[in-house]
Amino acid sequence: MKIWVPSLDVAGVLRDLPEVECVVYDGTGAMPGGADEVEVWVPPLVTVPDVPGVLAGMKKLRLLQTVTAGVEPYRPYLPSGVILCNARGVHDAGTAEWAVGAMIAVLREFPEFAAAQRAEKWAYHHTGVLADAKVLIIGYGSIGAALERRLDGFEVEVVRVARAAREMAGPQGTPVRVHGEDELPALLPAADVVVLLVPATAATAGMVDAAFLARMKDGALLVNAARGSVVDTGALVAELTTGRLRAALDVVDPEPLPPGHPLWSAPGVFITPHVAGSTPASLRRSLKLVRSQLLRYMAGEPLNNVITGSY
């Protein structure tokens, strides 16, 4: 069985599997030969340049296992009969940790103090604080739950939002509410921090538009750890320019953000280059997931994280 994998690390954890031939393709350079013999493809973290072309050449493909939670680059071009699985859970720790760090960095003005340090300036002043904040998590799933666990102890109120309202078991087993997205107009004005964790779908494209941002309270912080396409960049730049809102962004639209783009110089914004899940913890967990999935696939057992319908 021929498998394309994104790195030598992934090939290493599959080396002992019988009758498995691993070919490393990290998405750069020339595509390896033999695509028509590939049965399982594990694409790299960064999307390959020509997904439709690669998939069209994989005549025997049966399983596409991503190392990302998002599958939007592959889903529209997936041949019939191919199972698509994502890496739900792999990046929970890294993304949740980034979100907490980004909140604190912006609220406590760490980027500004770092700039003052470089200028050898003692810029004493009061800052904001995370304590007592109401944190609205939109797209409450496994990453949202991981974020809530990490916020425990910061003395904040967490408000959970998913596609549809539901009840779930809280930390002590008591039921807690997850609000539906239809409740956002009433929830946004009270939130001090709004965290985006929704997947990139047709329904979420541009969901954070001018009207959404206008409902956020003065001084609120928008944290985007989802996808850049979820936010209307022009509308966000307009709000940042007035100083009414602040933002911490690990993802942007367009991405990568080109030199000279107004978002770079907008006041009150902290930008990182899509690194929230790029950690050793994510690598360890992705290797464990890929090996587990291959063992299940070879044994004919049900796979984890199979994408069907909406996600």
Protein backbone atom coordinates (compact mmCIF):
# COMPACT_ATOMS: atom_id res chain seq x y z
CA MET A 1 0.00 0.00 0.00
CA LYS A 2 1.46 3.34 -1.05
CA ILE A 3 1.05 6.31 1.29
CA TRP A 4 2.09 9.90 0.74
CA VAL A 5 3.12 11.57 4.00
CA PRO A 6 4.25 15.16 4.70
CA SER A 7 7.49 14.49 6.57
CA LEU A 8 10.12 12.00 7.65
CA ASP A 9 8.64 12.18 11.15
CA VAL A 10 5.34 10.78 9.89
CA ALA A 11 7.12 8.17 7.78
CA GLY A 12 9.08 7.15 10.87
CA VAL A 13 6.01 6.24 12.93
CA LEU A 14 4.70 4.10 10.04
CA ARG A 15 7.98 2.40 9.20
CA ASP A 16 7.15 -0.84 11.03
CA LEU A 17 3.74 -1.34 9.41
CA PRO A 18 3.78 -4.32 7.04
CA GLU A 19 3.45 -3.80 3.31
CA VAL A 20 3.37 -0.01 3.62
CA GLU A 21 5.42 2.18 1.29
CA CYS A 22 5.76 5.78 2.52
CA VAL A 23 6.68 8.54 0.10
CA VAL A 24 7.45 11.95 1.59
CA TYR A 25 5.82 14.90 -0.18
CA ASP A 26 5.82 18.17 1.75
CA GLY A 27 4.06 20.16 -0.96
CA THR A 28 7.19 21.90 -2.24
CA GLY A 29 9.15 21.05 -5.34
CA ALA A 30 8.12 18.54 -7.95
CA MET A 31 5.32 16.14 -7.11
CA PRO A 32 6.56 12.55 -6.74
CA GLY A 33 5.69 10.03 -9.40
CA GLY A 34 3.24 7.23 -8.76
CA ALA A 35 0.29 9.35 -7.64
CA ASP A 36 -2.04 6.90 -9.37
CA GLU A 37 -0.94 4.19 -6.90
CA VAL A 38 -1.49 6.20 -3.70
CA GLU A 39 -4.14 4.69 -1.41
CA VAL A 40 -3.70 6.99 1.60
CA TRP A 41 -2.63 10.64 1.53
CA VAL A 42 -1.59 12.65 4.59
CA PRO A 43 -1.13 16.21 3.23
CA PRO A 44 1.29 18.68 4.84
CA LEU A 45 0.26 21.35 7.31
CA VAL A 46 0.57 24.03 4.63
CA THR A 47 -1.77 23.29 1.73
CA VAL A 48 -0.07 22.04 -1.44
CA PRO A 49 -0.28 24.41 -4.44
CA ASP A 50 -2.56 22.31 -6.68
CA VAL A 51 -4.98 20.26 -4.58
CA PRO A 52 -7.43 19.57 -7.46
CA GLY A 53 -4.57 18.40 -9.68
CA VAL A 54 -3.07 16.13 -7.02
CA LEU A 55 -6.41 14.53 -6.17
CA ALA A 56 -7.31 14.06 -9.83
CA GLY A 57 -4.17 11.98 -10.28
CA MET A 58 -4.83 9.73 -7.27
CA LYS A 59 -6.94 7.10 -8.97
CA LYS A 60 -6.68 4.58 -6.11
CA LEU A 61 -7.05 7.02 -3.20
CA ARG A 62 -9.26 5.69 -0.42
CA LEU A 63 -8.33 7.80 2.62
CA LEU A 64 -7.27 11.43 2.99
CA GLN A 65 -6.13 12.16 6.56
CA THR A 66 -5.29 15.79 7.26
CA VAL A 67 -3.01 17.02 10.04
CA THR A 68 -5.25 20.07 10.41
CA ALA A 69 -8.70 20.52 11.90
CA GLY A 70 -9.81 22.38 8.78
CA VAL A 71 -10.46 20.43 5.58
CA GLU A 72 -11.71 23.23 3.34
CA PRO A 73 -8.83 22.98 0.83
CA TYR A 74 -9.69 19.33 0.08
CA ARG A 75 -13.39 18.83 0.55
CA PRO A 76 -14.62 20.44 -2.70
CA TYR A 77 -12.29 18.27 -4.81
CA LEU A 78 -12.57 14.95 -2.98
CA PRO A 79 -13.24 12.07 -5.40
CA SER A 80 -16.31 9.95 -4.74
CA GLY A 81 -15.72 7.10 -2.34
CA VAL A 82 -12.71 8.67 -0.58
CA ILE A 83 -12.91 8.95 3.21
CA LEU A 84 -11.91 12.35 4.58
CA CYS A 85 -10.69 12.62 8.18
CA ASN A 86 -9.42 15.68 9.99
CA ALA A 87 -7.08 16.12 12.96
CA ARG A 88 -9.65 17.14 15.55
CA GLY A 89 -7.94 17.32 18.93
CA VAL A 90 -4.38 17.51 17.62
CA HIS A 91 -4.09 21.30 17.84
CA ASP A 92 -6.38 21.89 20.82
CA ALA A 93 -3.61 22.53 23.35
CA GLY A 94 -1.52 24.80 21.14
CA THR A 95 -4.45 26.85 19.85
CA ALA A 96 -6.03 27.25 23.28
CA GLU A 97 -2.68 28.26 24.77
CA TRP A 98 -2.15 30.82 21.98
CA ALA A 99 -5.60 32.29 22.58
CA VAL A 100 -4.97 32.80 26.29
CA GLY A 101 -1.53 34.24 25.60
CA ALA A 102 -2.89 36.58 22.93
CA MET A 103 -5.63 37.86 25.24
CA ILE A 104 -3.13 38.65 27.97
CA ALA A 105 -0.61 40.14 25.53
CA VAL A 106 -3.13 42.63 24.14
CA LEU A 107 -4.97 43.43 27.35
CA ARG A 108 -1.71 43.94 29.29
CA GLU A 109 -0.18 45.73 26.27
CA PHE A 110 2.90 43.52 26.01
CA PRO A 111 3.63 44.49 22.36
CA GLU A 112 3.65 48.17 23.31
CA PHE A 113 5.92 47.54 26.30
CA ALA A 114 8.24 45.49 24.09
CA ALA A 115 8.46 48.43 21.67
CA ALA A 116 9.17 50.77 24.59
CA GLN A 117 11.91 48.42 25.78
CA ARG A 118 13.57 48.51 22.36
CA ALA A 119 13.42 52.32 22.52
CA GLU A 120 14.85 52.23 26.09
CA LYS A 121 11.75 54.05 27.32
CA TRP A 122 10.21 53.54 30.79
CA ALA A 123 6.57 53.80 29.65
CA TYR A 124 4.69 53.33 32.92
CA HIS A 125 0.89 53.35 32.73
CA HIS A 126 -2.11 51.30 33.79
CA THR A 127 -3.31 48.56 31.43
CA GLY A 128 -6.33 46.37 30.96
CA VAL A 129 -6.65 42.97 32.61
CA LEU A 130 -8.24 39.60 31.85
CA ALA A 131 -9.68 39.17 35.35
CA ASP A 132 -13.46 39.81 35.59
CA ALA A 133 -13.84 39.71 31.78
CA LYS A 134 -16.71 38.03 29.99
CA VAL A 135 -15.17 35.78 27.31
CA LEU A 136 -17.45 34.74 24.45
CA ILE A 137 -16.20 31.61 22.65
CA ILE A 138 -17.81 31.25 19.21
CA GLY A 139 -17.44 27.80 17.68
CA TYR A 140 -17.40 25.87 20.93
CA GLY A 141 -15.95 22.42 20.23
CA SER A 142 -12.87 20.56 21.39
CA ILE A 143 -10.63 23.65 21.08
CA GLY A 144 -13.23 25.77 22.85
CA ALA A 145 -13.36 23.26 25.70
CA ALA A 146 -9.55 23.26 25.89
CA LEU A 147 -9.60 27.06 26.01
CA GLU A 148 -12.18 27.07 28.78
CA ARG A 149 -10.04 24.69 30.84
CA ARG A 150 -7.07 27.01 30.48
CA LEU A 151 -9.15 30.04 31.42
CA ASP A 152 -10.18 28.36 34.65
CA GLY A 153 -8.40 30.29 37.38
CA PHE A 154 -8.24 33.59 35.47
CA GLU A 155 -11.49 34.70 37.15
CA VAL A 156 -13.44 35.18 33.94
CA GLU A 157 -16.97 34.32 32.86
CA VAL A 158 -17.06 32.02 29.83
CA VAL A 159 -20.02 32.14 27.45
CA ARG A 160 -20.16 29.28 24.93
CA VAL A 161 -21.62 29.54 21.42
CA ALA A 162 -22.04 26.79 18.79
CA ARG A 163 -24.14 26.39 15.64
CA ALA A 164 -27.13 25.25 17.68
CA ALA A 165 -27.98 25.61 21.36
CA ARG A 166 -27.48 22.62 23.61
CA GLU A 167 -26.86 21.57 27.19
CA MET A 168 -23.58 19.99 28.21
CA ALA A 169 -22.01 18.68 31.39
CA GLY A 170 -19.92 21.27 33.22
CA PRO A 171 -16.71 20.70 35.20
CA GLN A 172 -18.57 19.36 38.23
CA GLY A 173 -21.08 17.43 36.15
CA THR A 174 -23.71 20.13 36.45
CA PRO A 175 -25.42 21.11 33.17
CA VAL A 176 -24.22 24.28 31.46
CA ARG A 177 -25.63 26.03 28.41
CA VAL A 178 -24.07 26.32 24.97
CA HIS A 179 -25.85 29.12 23.13
CA GLY A 180 -26.79 28.97 19.46
CA GLU A 181 -25.30 31.32 16.86
CA ASP A 182 -28.73 32.88 16.43
CA GLU A 183 -28.28 34.36 19.92
CA LEU A 184 -25.12 36.29 19.00
CA PRO A 185 -26.84 39.68 18.50
CA ALA A 186 -27.89 39.60 22.16
CA LEU A 187 -24.60 38.17 23.46
CA LEU A 188 -22.04 40.33 21.66
CA PRO A 189 -22.75 43.68 23.41
CA ALA A 190 -21.87 42.24 26.83
CA ALA A 191 -18.62 40.45 25.85
CA ASP A 192 -15.22 41.88 26.76
CA VAL A 193 -13.38 39.27 24.67
CA VAL A 194 -14.78 37.49 21.58
CA VAL A 195 -12.87 34.39 20.50
CA LEU A 196 -13.45 32.90 17.04
CA LEU A 197 -12.95 29.12 16.69
CA VAL A 198 -15.44 28.32 13.94
CA PRO A 199 -14.45 26.22 10.89
CA ALA A 200 -14.15 27.82 7.47
CA THR A 201 -17.38 27.01 5.65
CA ALA A 202 -19.76 28.81 3.33
CA ALA A 203 -21.88 29.63 6.38
CA THR A 204 -19.02 31.21 8.35
CA ALA A 205 -17.39 33.14 5.49
CA GLY A 206 -17.55 36.81 6.43
CA MET A 207 -19.71 36.16 9.50
CA VAL A 208 -17.73 38.80 11.42
CA ASP A 209 -18.85 41.71 9.26
CA ALA A 210 -19.47 45.38 9.98
CA ALA A 211 -22.79 44.63 11.69
CA PHE A 212 -21.21 41.94 13.90
CA LEU A 213 -18.35 44.26 14.91
CA ALA A 214 -20.74 47.16 15.56
CA ARG A 215 -22.54 45.02 18.16
CA MET A 216 -19.31 44.50 20.12
CA LYS A 217 -18.87 46.79 23.12
CA ASP A 218 -16.43 49.69 23.08
CA GLY A 219 -12.93 48.49 24.02
CA ALA A 220 -13.70 44.82 23.36
CA LEU A 221 -11.05 42.44 22.03
CA LEU A 222 -11.58 40.20 19.00
CA VAL A 223 -9.41 37.06 18.98
CA ASN A 224 -9.32 35.10 15.72
CA ALA A 225 -7.84 31.60 15.96
CA ALA A 226 -10.21 30.23 13.31
CA ARG A 227 -9.63 31.25 9.69
CA GLY A 228 -9.07 34.63 8.09
CA SER A 229 -12.10 34.22 5.84
CA VAL A 230 -14.40 34.38 8.87
CA VAL A 231 -13.67 38.10 9.32
CA ASP A 232 -14.36 40.96 6.91
CA THR A 233 -10.88 42.49 6.96
CA GLY A 234 -12.00 45.89 5.70
CA ALA A 235 -14.67 46.18 8.37
CA LEU A 236 -12.18 45.17 11.06
CA VAL A 237 -9.58 47.70 9.88
CA ALA A 238 -12.27 50.41 10.03
CA GLU A 239 -13.08 49.57 13.66
CA LEU A 240 -9.42 49.31 14.67
CA THR A 241 -8.62 52.65 13.04
CA THR A 242 -11.18 54.41 15.23
CA GLY A 243 -9.67 52.76 18.30
CA ARG A 244 -13.05 51.38 19.37
CA LEU A 245 -11.99 47.71 19.16
CA ARG A 246 -8.77 45.75 19.52
CA ALA A 247 -7.80 42.46 17.89
CA ALA A 248 -5.42 39.53 18.26
CA LEU A 249 -5.14 37.64 14.98
CA ASP A 250 -3.36 34.38 14.20
CA VAL A 251 -5.17 34.17 10.85
CA VAL A 252 -5.96 36.92 8.36
CA ASP A 253 -7.50 37.49 4.96
CA PRO A 254 -5.52 37.63 2.74
CA GLU A 255 -2.97 35.19 4.08
CA PRO A 256 -0.08 35.67 4.16
CA LEU A 257 -0.70 39.35 4.75
CA PRO A 258 1.22 41.29 2.09
CA PRO A 259 3.57 44.18 2.88
CA GLY A 260 1.80 47.52 2.95
CA HIS A 261 -1.59 46.08 3.90
CA PRO A 262 -3.43 48.50 6.23
CA LEU A 263 -3.99 45.75 8.82
CA TRP A 264 -0.24 45.73 9.61
CA SER A 265 -0.30 49.32 10.83
CA ALA A 266 -3.81 49.46 12.30
CA PRO A 267 -3.79 50.52 15.96
CA GLY A 268 -4.64 47.97 18.63
CA VAL A 269 -3.89 44.84 16.60
CA PHE A 270 -1.51 42.00 17.47
CA ILE A 271 -0.74 39.64 14.56
CA THR A 272 1.01 36.26 14.52
CA PRO A 273 1.61 34.29 11.27
CA HIS A 274 -0.82 31.35 11.75
CA VAL A 275 1.34 29.69 14.40
CA ALA A 276 -1.22 28.82 17.09
CA GLY A 277 -1.09 25.10 16.34
CA SER A 278 2.55 24.97 15.24
CA THR A 279 4.00 23.45 18.40
CA PRO A 280 5.86 20.29 19.48
CA ALA A 281 2.68 19.16 21.25
CA SER A 282 0.76 19.33 17.97
CA LEU A 283 3.49 17.35 16.19
CA ARG A 284 3.47 14.62 18.84
CA ARG A 285 -0.29 14.34 18.71
CA SER A 286 -0.45 14.38 14.92
CA LEU A 287 2.04 11.49 14.74
CA LYS A 288 -0.01 9.53 17.24
CA LEU A 289 -3.21 10.22 15.30
CA VAL A 290 -1.79 9.25 11.89
CA ARG A 291 -0.42 5.96 13.22
CA SER A 292 -3.67 5.16 15.00
CA GLN A 293 -5.71 5.91 11.88
CA LEU A 294 -3.50 3.78 9.66
CA LEU A 295 -3.76 0.85 12.05
CA ARG A 296 -7.54 1.21 12.06
CA TYR A 297 -7.67 1.53 8.28
CA MET A 298 -5.53 -1.56 7.71
CA ALA A 299 -7.62 -3.55 10.18
CA GLY A 300 -10.89 -2.44 8.56
CA GLU A 301 -12.00 -0.71 11.76
CA PRO A 302 -14.04 2.51 11.95
CA LEU A 303 -11.88 5.62 11.63
CA ASN A 304 -11.92 8.63 13.94
CA ASN A 305 -12.75 12.18 12.87
CA VAL A 306 -14.55 11.20 9.66
CA ILE A 307 -16.01 14.30 8.00
CA THR A 308 -19.59 13.89 6.84
CA GLY A 309 -22.16 16.60 6.29
CA SER A 310 -21.38 19.91 7.98
CA TYR A 311 -18.61 20.21 10.53
